[in-house]
Amino acid sequence: MVSWEKFDEGIEWYTTHFGWECLDQVQTPVGKKAFLKMPKEGVITLKALDSDCEHLQNDEEAEEGNFKLCFEVGDLKRTVDYFNRHNIEYTEVVPLINGMKSLDVFGFENARLTLYENIKEKDSFPDARVLGFGEVHSSIGVTDIGRSVDWYTTHLGFLEVSVGQEHAHLQTEDAYEKHVLHNSFMNNIFLEKIDRQVKGNPSVRTYFDIRPEDFDETYQRLLDKKIVPSKIAGNPKEGWGGFHFFDPDGNRINVWSYPIL
C-alpha cells in the first residue's frame, strides 16, 4: 500500500528498482490500483486506498509486525550491491529455517519486503532485482511454536511438515494454482520463534483465499471460535470481499474472496 498522493511515484519506484512491469492501472470505488508483474512469477497489486473501512486502512504509525511476505532473488550479493548504489535500506543477511540467505528490504515509503536467495535462479532475469514468488511463501514470527502450530493447523487448515523448538514448517495449498490453473501446489510457510509479540499492520500484505460460497460460513466459524474478525469490506457475492483477524501473537491474517471468471 502507498499513499494516495504518491501512487504514481510508487509505481515508478518498483518498476525501476525491482525490475517489475506495470500491466495496468484502475480506479475503483475504494481507491487506485496498479498491477505489477514480477519477472519470474506473480503479480503484485499496488494500492492507494480512499476508504473508511477498517480492513482497508493503512496505519502509518503501526508496526509492520512479524508476518512477512517473501520474494525470491537469484543473486543476493548483486541485489545488495544495487541497493547500496541507490541508497535503499536493508537489514543484515540471516538464514531462513531451510538455510536460504534472506534479508528485509525497505521499499517505497518504507514498505518492508523479505527477500531470500535461490541460487538456482542466479542467471535468470539478470536485469531484475526481485524475481517474484517462489519456494517460500511467508515467514511468521511467533512466541510459542507449539501453540502456533496448533492454532494455524486448527483454524486455517495448514498442514504440519516439521516442528522444532525454534521453528516449524507448515504448508497450505495455493489458491490460484488450484482454482484457476487446476493444479496442486503447496505454499511453504515458516514459523520462527521470537521474544516479543507485536500487533502488526503491514503495508505489504498477503491474502488467503476463501471461495464466495464458503465466505459467510467461515466468518461465522471464526466468531464461534472467539476469533474476532474485522468488519467485512466489499461484497463477496457481487465481487471482491475481504476481512482480517489476528493470530495469538498479533500477526495479521488477511482473507479475500472473489468470483473466478
C-alpha atoms as a PDB file:
ATOM      1  CA  MET A   1       0.000   0.000   0.000  1.00  0.00           C
ATOM      2  CA  VAL A   2       1.158   3.533  -0.783  1.00  0.00           C
ATOM      3  CA  SER A   3      -0.153   6.994  -0.022  1.00  0.00           C
ATOM      4  CA  TRP A   4      -2.753   8.474  -2.343  1.00  0.00           C
ATOM      5  CA  GLU A   5      -0.673  11.424  -3.486  1.00  0.00           C
ATOM      6  CA  LYS A   6       2.397   9.294  -4.249  1.00  0.00           C
ATOM      7  CA  PHE A   7       0.697   6.474  -6.133  1.00  0.00           C
ATOM      8  CA  ASP A   8       2.467   7.194  -9.448  1.00  0.00           C
ATOM      9  CA  GLU A   9       5.815   7.556  -7.668  1.00  0.00           C
ATOM     10  CA  GLY A  10       5.304   4.160  -6.084  1.00  0.00           C
ATOM     11  CA  ILE A  11       4.746   2.534  -9.476  1.00  0.00           C
ATOM     12  CA  GLU A  12       7.903   4.140 -10.836  1.00  0.00           C
ATOM     13  CA  TRP A  13       9.935   3.073  -7.785  1.00  0.00           C
ATOM     14  CA  TYR A  14       9.077  -0.618  -8.064  1.00  0.00           C
ATOM     15  CA  THR A  15       9.440  -0.789 -11.838  1.00  0.00           C
ATOM     16  CA  THR A  16      12.807   0.982 -11.654  1.00  0.00           C
ATOM     17  CA  HIS A  17      14.416  -0.621  -8.616  1.00  0.00           C
ATOM     18  CA  PHE A  18      12.870  -4.098  -8.561  1.00  0.00           C
ATOM     19  CA  GLY A  19      12.512  -4.608 -12.311  1.00  0.00           C
ATOM     20  CA  TRP A  20       8.745  -5.164 -12.221  1.00  0.00           C
ATOM     21  CA  GLU A  21       6.393  -4.283 -15.098  1.00  0.00           C
ATOM     22  CA  CYS A  22       3.179  -2.290 -14.694  1.00  0.00           C
ATOM     23  CA  LEU A  23       0.469  -4.156 -16.587  1.00  0.00           C
ATOM     24  CA  ASP A  24      -2.447  -1.821 -15.889  1.00  0.00           C
ATOM     25  CA  GLN A  25      -3.888   0.811 -13.566  1.00  0.00           C
ATOM     26  CA  VAL A  26      -7.528   1.095 -12.488  1.00  0.00           C
ATOM     27  CA  GLN A  27      -9.677   3.385 -10.376  1.00  0.00           C
ATOM     28  CA  THR A  28     -12.120   1.575  -8.087  1.00  0.00           C
ATOM     29  CA  PRO A  29     -14.756   2.786  -5.613  1.00  0.00           C
ATOM     30  CA  VAL A  30     -12.237   2.409  -2.774  1.00  0.00           C
ATOM     31  CA  GLY A  31      -9.122   3.747  -4.467  1.00  0.00           C
ATOM     32  CA  LYS A  32      -6.409   3.289  -7.085  1.00  0.00           C
ATOM     33  CA  LYS A  33      -4.710   0.020  -8.028  1.00  0.00           C
ATOM     34  CA  ALA A  34      -1.756  -0.866 -10.225  1.00  0.00           C
ATOM     35  CA  PHE A  35      -0.903  -4.414 -11.238  1.00  0.00           C
ATOM     36  CA  LEU A  36       2.841  -5.058 -11.203  1.00  0.00           C
ATOM     37  CA  LYS A  37       4.084  -8.223 -12.890  1.00  0.00           C
ATOM     38  CA  MET A  38       7.220  -9.773 -11.450  1.00  0.00           C
ATOM     39  CA  PRO A  39       9.716 -11.311 -13.912  1.00  0.00           C
ATOM     40  CA  LYS A  40       9.584 -14.926 -12.789  1.00  0.00           C
ATOM     41  CA  GLU A  41       6.147 -15.432 -11.302  1.00  0.00           C
ATOM     42  CA  GLY A  42       3.337 -13.472  -9.722  1.00  0.00           C
ATOM     43  CA  VAL A  43       1.548 -10.129  -9.854  1.00  0.00           C
ATOM     44  CA  ILE A  44       1.558  -7.596  -7.031  1.00  0.00           C
ATOM     45  CA  THR A  45      -1.341  -5.174  -6.586  1.00  0.00           C
ATOM     46  CA  LEU A  46      -0.087  -1.745  -5.541  1.00  0.00           C
ATOM     47  CA  LYS A  47      -2.909   0.099  -3.788  1.00  0.00           C
ATOM     48  CA  ALA A  48      -3.651   3.658  -2.744  1.00  0.00           C
ATOM     49  CA  LEU A  49      -6.962   3.432  -0.915  1.00  0.00           C
ATOM     50  CA  ASP A  50      -9.542   6.052  -0.009  1.00  0.00           C
ATOM     51  CA  SER A  51     -11.926   4.302   2.350  1.00  0.00           C
ATOM     52  CA  ASP A  52     -13.080   4.497   5.967  1.00  0.00           C
ATOM     53  CA  CYS A  53     -13.386   0.704   6.126  1.00  0.00           C
ATOM     54  CA  GLU A  54     -11.159  -0.745   8.865  1.00  0.00           C
ATOM     55  CA  HIS A  55      -9.836  -3.538   6.672  1.00  0.00           C
ATOM     56  CA  LEU A  56      -8.623  -1.113   4.018  1.00  0.00           C
ATOM     57  CA  GLN A  57      -6.804   1.277   6.326  1.00  0.00           C
ATOM     58  CA  ASN A  58      -3.022   1.656   6.286  1.00  0.00           C
ATOM     59  CA  ASP A  59      -1.979   2.948   9.701  1.00  0.00           C
ATOM     60  CA  GLU A  60       1.381   4.646   9.132  1.00  0.00           C
ATOM     61  CA  GLU A  61       2.030   4.691  12.892  1.00  0.00           C
ATOM     62  CA  ALA A  62       1.506   0.950  13.364  1.00  0.00           C
ATOM     63  CA  GLU A  63       4.363  -1.523  13.451  1.00  0.00           C
ATOM     64  CA  GLU A  64       4.962  -3.748  10.429  1.00  0.00           C
ATOM     65  CA  GLY A  65       4.648  -6.809  12.643  1.00  0.00           C
ATOM     66  CA  ASN A  66       6.091 -10.288  12.207  1.00  0.00           C
ATOM     67  CA  PHE A  67       4.112 -11.673   9.276  1.00  0.00           C
ATOM     68  CA  LYS A  68       6.468 -11.341   6.310  1.00  0.00           C
ATOM     69  CA  LEU A  69       5.598 -11.991   2.672  1.00  0.00           C
ATOM     70  CA  CYS A  70       8.652 -13.452   0.921  1.00  0.00           C
ATOM     71  CA  PHE A  71      10.108 -12.786  -2.536  1.00  0.00           C
ATOM     72  CA  GLU A  72      12.817 -14.583  -4.466  1.00  0.00           C
ATOM     73  CA  VAL A  73      16.118 -13.191  -5.758  1.00  0.00           C
ATOM     74  CA  GLY A  74      18.702 -15.056  -7.790  1.00  0.00           C
ATOM     75  CA  ASP A  75      21.871 -13.373  -6.547  1.00  0.00           C
ATOM     76  CA  LEU A  76      21.656 -11.684  -3.162  1.00  0.00           C
ATOM     77  CA  LYS A  77      25.082 -10.069  -3.424  1.00  0.00           C
ATOM     78  CA  ARG A  78      24.228  -8.482  -6.762  1.00  0.00           C
ATOM     79  CA  THR A  79      20.929  -7.290  -5.327  1.00  0.00           C
ATOM     80  CA  VAL A  80      22.599  -5.807  -2.238  1.00  0.00           C
ATOM     81  CA  ASP A  81      25.200  -4.071  -4.415  1.00  0.00           C
ATOM     82  CA  TYR A  82      22.359  -2.408  -6.303  1.00  0.00           C
ATOM     83  CA  PHE A  83      20.657  -1.361  -3.070  1.00  0.00           C
ATOM     84  CA  ASN A  84      23.913   0.190  -1.842  1.00  0.00           C
ATOM     85  CA  ARG A  85      24.347   2.200  -5.046  1.00  0.00           C
ATOM     86  CA  HIS A  86      20.799   3.556  -4.816  1.00  0.00           C
ATOM     87  CA  ASN A  87      20.655   4.146  -1.035  1.00  0.00           C
ATOM     88  CA  ILE A  88      17.954   1.527  -0.465  1.00  0.00           C
ATOM     89  CA  GLU A  89      17.910   0.358   3.149  1.00  0.00           C
ATOM     90  CA  TYR A  90      18.007  -3.299   4.123  1.00  0.00           C
ATOM     91  CA  THR A  91      18.751  -5.466   7.148  1.00  0.00           C
ATOM     92  CA  GLU A  92      21.613  -7.856   7.773  1.00  0.00           C
ATOM     93  CA  VAL A  93      21.575 -11.214   5.996  1.00  0.00           C
ATOM     94  CA  VAL A  94      20.197 -14.096   8.087  1.00  0.00           C
ATOM     95  CA  PRO A  95      19.291 -17.689   7.186  1.00  0.00           C
ATOM     96  CA  LEU A  96      15.729 -18.908   6.836  1.00  0.00           C
ATOM     97  CA  ILE A  97      14.948 -22.201   8.517  1.00  0.00           C
ATOM     98  CA  ASN A  98      15.693 -24.023   5.242  1.00  0.00           C
ATOM     99  CA  GLY A  99      19.177 -22.444   5.094  1.00  0.00           C
ATOM    100  CA  MET A 100      18.442 -19.925   2.336  1.00  0.00           C
ATOM    101  CA  LYS A 101      20.003 -16.494   2.870  1.00  0.00           C
ATOM    102  CA  SER A 102      17.468 -13.745   3.480  1.00  0.00           C
ATOM    103  CA  LEU A 103      17.099 -10.087   4.411  1.00  0.00           C
ATOM    104  CA  ASP A 104      14.397  -7.468   4.743  1.00  0.00           C
ATOM    105  CA  VAL A 105      14.446  -4.540   2.324  1.00  0.00           C
ATOM    106  CA  PHE A 106      12.541  -1.289   2.797  1.00  0.00           C
ATOM    107  CA  GLY A 107      10.845  -0.253  -0.397  1.00  0.00           C
ATOM    108  CA  PHE A 108       8.783   2.775  -1.351  1.00  0.00           C
ATOM    109  CA  GLU A 109       7.515   4.677   1.706  1.00  0.00           C
ATOM    110  CA  ASN A 110       9.404   2.220   3.902  1.00  0.00           C
ATOM    111  CA  ALA A 111       7.322  -0.830   2.979  1.00  0.00           C
ATOM    112  CA  ARG A 112       9.076  -3.961   4.240  1.00  0.00           C
ATOM    113  CA  LEU A 113       9.609  -6.966   1.965  1.00  0.00           C
ATOM    114  CA  THR A 114      11.526 -10.129   2.834  1.00  0.00           C
ATOM    115  CA  LEU A 115      13.881 -11.397   0.134  1.00  0.00           C
ATOM    116  CA  TYR A 116      15.568 -14.789   0.006  1.00  0.00           C
ATOM    117  CA  GLU A 117      18.201 -16.145  -2.349  1.00  0.00           C
ATOM    118  CA  ASN A 118      17.516 -19.090  -4.624  1.00  0.00           C
ATOM    119  CA  ILE A 119      20.887 -19.766  -6.245  1.00  0.00           C
ATOM    120  CA  LYS A 120      19.201 -21.901  -8.918  1.00  0.00           C
ATOM    121  CA  GLU A 121      17.884 -18.625 -10.354  1.00  0.00           C
ATOM    122  CA  LYS A 122      21.260 -16.831 -10.288  1.00  0.00           C
ATOM    123  CA  ASP A 123      21.426 -16.328 -14.042  1.00  0.00           C
ATOM    124  CA  SER A 124      17.707 -15.788 -14.589  1.00  0.00           C
ATOM    125  CA  PHE A 125      16.390 -12.307 -15.321  1.00  0.00           C
ATOM    126  CA  PRO A 126      19.738 -10.516 -14.819  1.00  0.00           C
ATOM    127  CA  ASP A 127      18.152  -7.064 -15.185  1.00  0.00           C
ATOM    128  CA  ALA A 128      15.690  -7.605 -12.323  1.00  0.00           C
ATOM    129  CA  ARG A 129      16.419  -7.374  -8.608  1.00  0.00           C
ATOM    130  CA  VAL A 130      13.326  -9.138  -7.232  1.00  0.00           C
ATOM    131  CA  LEU A 131      12.165 -12.077  -9.330  1.00  0.00           C
ATOM    132  CA  GLY A 132       8.812 -12.942  -7.795  1.00  0.00           C
ATOM    133  CA  PHE A 133       7.205 -15.601  -5.665  1.00  0.00           C
ATOM    134  CA  GLY A 134       8.970 -18.914  -5.239  1.00  0.00           C
ATOM    135  CA  GLU A 135       9.739 -21.704  -2.799  1.00  0.00           C
ATOM    136  CA  VAL A 136       8.974 -19.717   0.378  1.00  0.00           C
ATOM    137  CA  HIS A 137       5.601 -18.020   0.714  1.00  0.00           C
ATOM    138  CA  SER A 138       5.923 -16.319   4.085  1.00  0.00           C
ATOM    139  CA  SER A 139       7.721 -16.213   7.420  1.00  0.00           C
ATOM    140  CA  ILE A 140       5.774 -15.665  10.634  1.00  0.00           C
ATOM    141  CA  GLY A 141       7.309 -14.714  13.970  1.00  0.00           C
ATOM    142  CA  VAL A 142       5.631 -16.347  16.978  1.00  0.00           C
ATOM    143  CA  THR A 143       6.451 -16.594  20.688  1.00  0.00           C
ATOM    144  CA  ASP A 144       5.311 -20.204  21.189  1.00  0.00           C
ATOM    145  CA  ILE A 145       5.975 -22.644  18.331  1.00  0.00           C
ATOM    146  CA  GLY A 146       3.745 -25.448  19.626  1.00  0.00           C
ATOM    147  CA  ARG A 147       0.785 -23.185  20.325  1.00  0.00           C
ATOM    148  CA  SER A 148       1.091 -21.532  16.912  1.00  0.00           C
ATOM    149  CA  VAL A 149       1.340 -24.817  15.015  1.00  0.00           C
ATOM    150  CA  ASP A 150      -1.864 -25.928  16.734  1.00  0.00           C
ATOM    151  CA  TRP A 151      -3.570 -22.593  16.007  1.00  0.00           C
ATOM    152  CA  TYR A 152      -2.678 -22.478  12.302  1.00  0.00           C
ATOM    153  CA  THR A 153      -3.492 -26.130  11.634  1.00  0.00           C
ATOM    154  CA  THR A 154      -6.787 -25.897  13.547  1.00  0.00           C
ATOM    155  CA  HIS A 155      -8.140 -22.554  12.358  1.00  0.00           C
ATOM    156  CA  LEU A 156      -6.545 -22.106   8.921  1.00  0.00           C
ATOM    157  CA  GLY A 157      -6.181 -25.732   7.925  1.00  0.00           C
ATOM    158  CA  PHE A 158      -2.421 -25.533   7.344  1.00  0.00           C
ATOM    159  CA  LEU A 159      -0.534 -28.815   7.115  1.00  0.00           C
ATOM    160  CA  GLU A 160       2.292 -29.618   9.502  1.00  0.00           C
ATOM    161  CA  VAL A 161       5.540 -30.614   7.766  1.00  0.00           C
ATOM    162  CA  SER A 162       8.047 -30.387  10.623  1.00  0.00           C
ATOM    163  CA  VAL A 163       8.231 -28.831  14.081  1.00  0.00           C
ATOM    164  CA  GLY A 164      11.253 -27.929  16.201  1.00  0.00           C
ATOM    165  CA  GLN A 165      11.837 -25.899  19.340  1.00  0.00           C
ATOM    166  CA  GLU A 166      12.751 -22.718  17.450  1.00  0.00           C
ATOM    167  CA  HIS A 167      10.838 -23.088  14.191  1.00  0.00           C
ATOM    168  CA  ALA A 168       8.201 -25.018  12.261  1.00  0.00           C
ATOM    169  CA  HIS A 169       7.449 -25.698   8.611  1.00  0.00           C
ATOM    170  CA  LEU A 170       3.797 -25.566   7.513  1.00  0.00           C
ATOM    171  CA  GLN A 171       2.114 -25.726   4.121  1.00  0.00           C
ATOM    172  CA  THR A 172      -1.129 -24.589   2.539  1.00  0.00           C
ATOM    173  CA  GLU A 173      -2.447 -25.150  -0.964  1.00  0.00           C
ATOM    174  CA  ASP A 174      -2.049 -22.274  -3.401  1.00  0.00           C
ATOM    175  CA  ALA A 175      -5.498 -20.940  -4.317  1.00  0.00           C
ATOM    176  CA  TYR A 176      -4.596 -19.593  -7.783  1.00  0.00           C
ATOM    177  CA  GLU A 177      -2.985 -22.864  -8.817  1.00  0.00           C
ATOM    178  CA  LYS A 178      -5.999 -24.820  -7.547  1.00  0.00           C
ATOM    179  CA  HIS A 179      -8.932 -22.735  -8.753  1.00  0.00           C
ATOM    180  CA  VAL A 180      -7.561 -21.133 -11.925  1.00  0.00           C
ATOM    181  CA  LEU A 181      -4.850 -23.468 -13.228  1.00  0.00           C
ATOM    182  CA  HIS A 182      -6.401 -26.614 -11.728  1.00  0.00           C
ATOM    183  CA  ASN A 183      -3.047 -27.739 -10.385  1.00  0.00           C
ATOM    184  CA  SER A 184      -1.968 -28.660  -6.872  1.00  0.00           C
ATOM    185  CA  PHE A 185       0.867 -26.537  -5.498  1.00  0.00           C
ATOM    186  CA  MET A 186       1.776 -26.190  -1.826  1.00  0.00           C
ATOM    187  CA  ASN A 187       2.976 -22.887  -0.386  1.00  0.00           C
ATOM    188  CA  ASN A 188       5.696 -23.192   2.264  1.00  0.00           C
ATOM    189  CA  ILE A 189       5.196 -21.139   5.419  1.00  0.00           C
ATOM    190  CA  PHE A 190       7.834 -20.926   8.138  1.00  0.00           C
ATOM    191  CA  LEU A 191       7.160 -20.162  11.798  1.00  0.00           C
ATOM    192  CA  GLU A 192      10.149 -18.708  13.660  1.00  0.00           C
ATOM    193  CA  LYS A 193      10.397 -18.179  17.403  1.00  0.00           C
ATOM    194  CA  ILE A 194      10.619 -14.559  18.581  1.00  0.00           C
ATOM    195  CA  ASP A 195      10.697 -12.943  22.022  1.00  0.00           C
ATOM    196  CA  ARG A 196       8.072 -10.217  21.719  1.00  0.00           C
ATOM    197  CA  GLN A 197       4.520 -10.125  20.400  1.00  0.00           C
ATOM    198  CA  VAL A 198       3.625  -7.289  18.026  1.00  0.00           C
ATOM    199  CA  LYS A 199       0.146  -6.453  16.751  1.00  0.00           C
ATOM    200  CA  GLY A 200       1.122  -5.706  13.189  1.00  0.00           C
ATOM    201  CA  ASN A 201      -0.435  -3.783  10.338  1.00  0.00           C
ATOM    202  CA  PRO A 202       1.999  -4.462   7.477  1.00  0.00           C
ATOM    203  CA  SER A 203       1.902  -2.367   4.330  1.00  0.00           C
ATOM    204  CA  VAL A 204       2.951  -5.432   2.297  1.00  0.00           C
ATOM    205  CA  ARG A 205       0.150  -7.910   2.842  1.00  0.00           C
ATOM    206  CA  THR A 206      -0.541 -11.471   1.833  1.00  0.00           C
ATOM    207  CA  TYR A 207      -4.090 -12.742   1.424  1.00  0.00           C
ATOM    208  CA  PHE A 208      -5.549 -16.194   1.907  1.00  0.00           C
ATOM    209  CA  ASP A 209      -8.425 -17.223  -0.320  1.00  0.00           C
ATOM    210  CA  ILE A 210     -11.959 -18.284   0.588  1.00  0.00           C
ATOM    211  CA  ARG A 211     -14.433 -19.181  -2.139  1.00  0.00           C
ATOM    212  CA  PRO A 212     -17.571 -16.968  -2.176  1.00  0.00           C
ATOM    213  CA  GLU A 213     -19.851 -19.882  -1.291  1.00  0.00           C
ATOM    214  CA  ASP A 214     -17.814 -20.507   1.879  1.00  0.00           C
ATOM    215  CA  PHE A 215     -17.329 -16.877   2.900  1.00  0.00           C
ATOM    216  CA  ASP A 216     -20.216 -16.349   5.351  1.00  0.00           C
ATOM    217  CA  GLU A 217     -19.769 -19.751   6.989  1.00  0.00           C
ATOM    218  CA  THR A 218     -16.048 -19.144   7.525  1.00  0.00           C
ATOM    219  CA  TYR A 219     -16.648 -15.693   9.002  1.00  0.00           C
ATOM    220  CA  GLN A 220     -19.220 -17.116  11.429  1.00  0.00           C
ATOM    221  CA  ARG A 221     -16.943 -20.035  12.336  1.00  0.00           C
ATOM    222  CA  LEU A 222     -14.244 -17.584  13.426  1.00  0.00           C
ATOM    223  CA  LEU A 223     -16.745 -15.773  15.631  1.00  0.00           C
ATOM    224  CA  ASP A 224     -17.839 -19.099  17.138  1.00  0.00           C
ATOM    225  CA  LYS A 225     -14.175 -19.835  17.974  1.00  0.00           C
ATOM    226  CA  LYS A 226     -13.867 -16.444  19.746  1.00  0.00           C
ATOM    227  CA  ILE A 227     -11.600 -15.118  16.993  1.00  0.00           C
ATOM    228  CA  VAL A 228     -12.818 -11.598  16.256  1.00  0.00           C
ATOM    229  CA  PRO A 229     -12.536 -10.619  12.578  1.00  0.00           C
ATOM    230  CA  SER A 230     -12.753  -7.100  11.218  1.00  0.00           C
ATOM    231  CA  LYS A 231     -15.917  -5.882   9.544  1.00  0.00           C
ATOM    232  CA  ILE A 232     -16.262  -7.212   6.010  1.00  0.00           C
ATOM    233  CA  ALA A 233     -15.019  -4.940   3.242  1.00  0.00           C
ATOM    234  CA  GLY A 234     -16.796  -5.213  -0.095  1.00  0.00           C
ATOM    235  CA  ASN A 235     -19.314  -7.891  -1.010  1.00  0.00           C
ATOM    236  CA  PRO A 236     -18.070 -11.361  -1.951  1.00  0.00           C
ATOM    237  CA  LYS A 237     -21.438 -12.246  -3.510  1.00  0.00           C
ATOM    238  CA  GLU A 238     -21.138  -9.426  -6.041  1.00  0.00           C
ATOM    239  CA  GLY A 239     -17.359  -9.136  -6.422  1.00  0.00           C
ATOM    240  CA  TRP A 240     -14.419  -8.737  -4.103  1.00  0.00           C
ATOM    241  CA  GLY A 241     -14.813  -9.128  -0.344  1.00  0.00           C
ATOM    242  CA  GLY A 242     -12.265  -9.289   2.442  1.00  0.00           C
ATOM    243  CA  PHE A 243     -11.546  -9.054   6.153  1.00  0.00           C
ATOM    244  CA  HIS A 244      -8.742  -9.722   8.608  1.00  0.00           C
ATOM    245  CA  PHE A 245      -8.114 -11.148  12.060  1.00  0.00           C
ATOM    246  CA  PHE A 246      -5.088 -11.794  14.267  1.00  0.00           C
ATOM    247  CA  ASP A 247      -3.254 -14.863  15.493  1.00  0.00           C
ATOM    248  CA  PRO A 248      -2.313 -15.210  19.218  1.00  0.00           C
ATOM    249  CA  ASP A 249       0.863 -13.150  18.633  1.00  0.00           C
ATOM    250  CA  GLY A 250      -0.859 -10.260  16.865  1.00  0.00           C
ATOM    251  CA  ASN A 251       0.086 -11.335  13.339  1.00  0.00           C
ATOM    252  CA  ARG A 252      -2.497 -10.041  10.899  1.00  0.00           C
ATOM    253  CA  ILE A 253      -4.208 -12.667   8.722  1.00  0.00           C
ATOM    254  CA  ASN A 254      -5.906 -11.248   5.613  1.00  0.00           C
ATOM    255  CA  VAL A 255      -8.658 -13.115   3.801  1.00  0.00           C
ATOM    256  CA  TRP A 256     -10.289 -12.314   0.497  1.00  0.00           C
ATOM    257  CA  SER A 257     -12.893 -13.804  -1.801  1.00  0.00           C
ATOM    258  CA  TYR A 258     -13.760 -13.108  -5.408  1.00  0.00           C
ATOM    259  CA  PRO A 259     -15.518 -14.927  -8.240  1.00  0.00           C
ATOM    260  CA  ILE A 260     -13.350 -16.694 -10.802  1.00  0.00           C
ATOM    261  CA  LEU A 261     -14.353 -15.601 -14.277  1.00  0.00           C
END
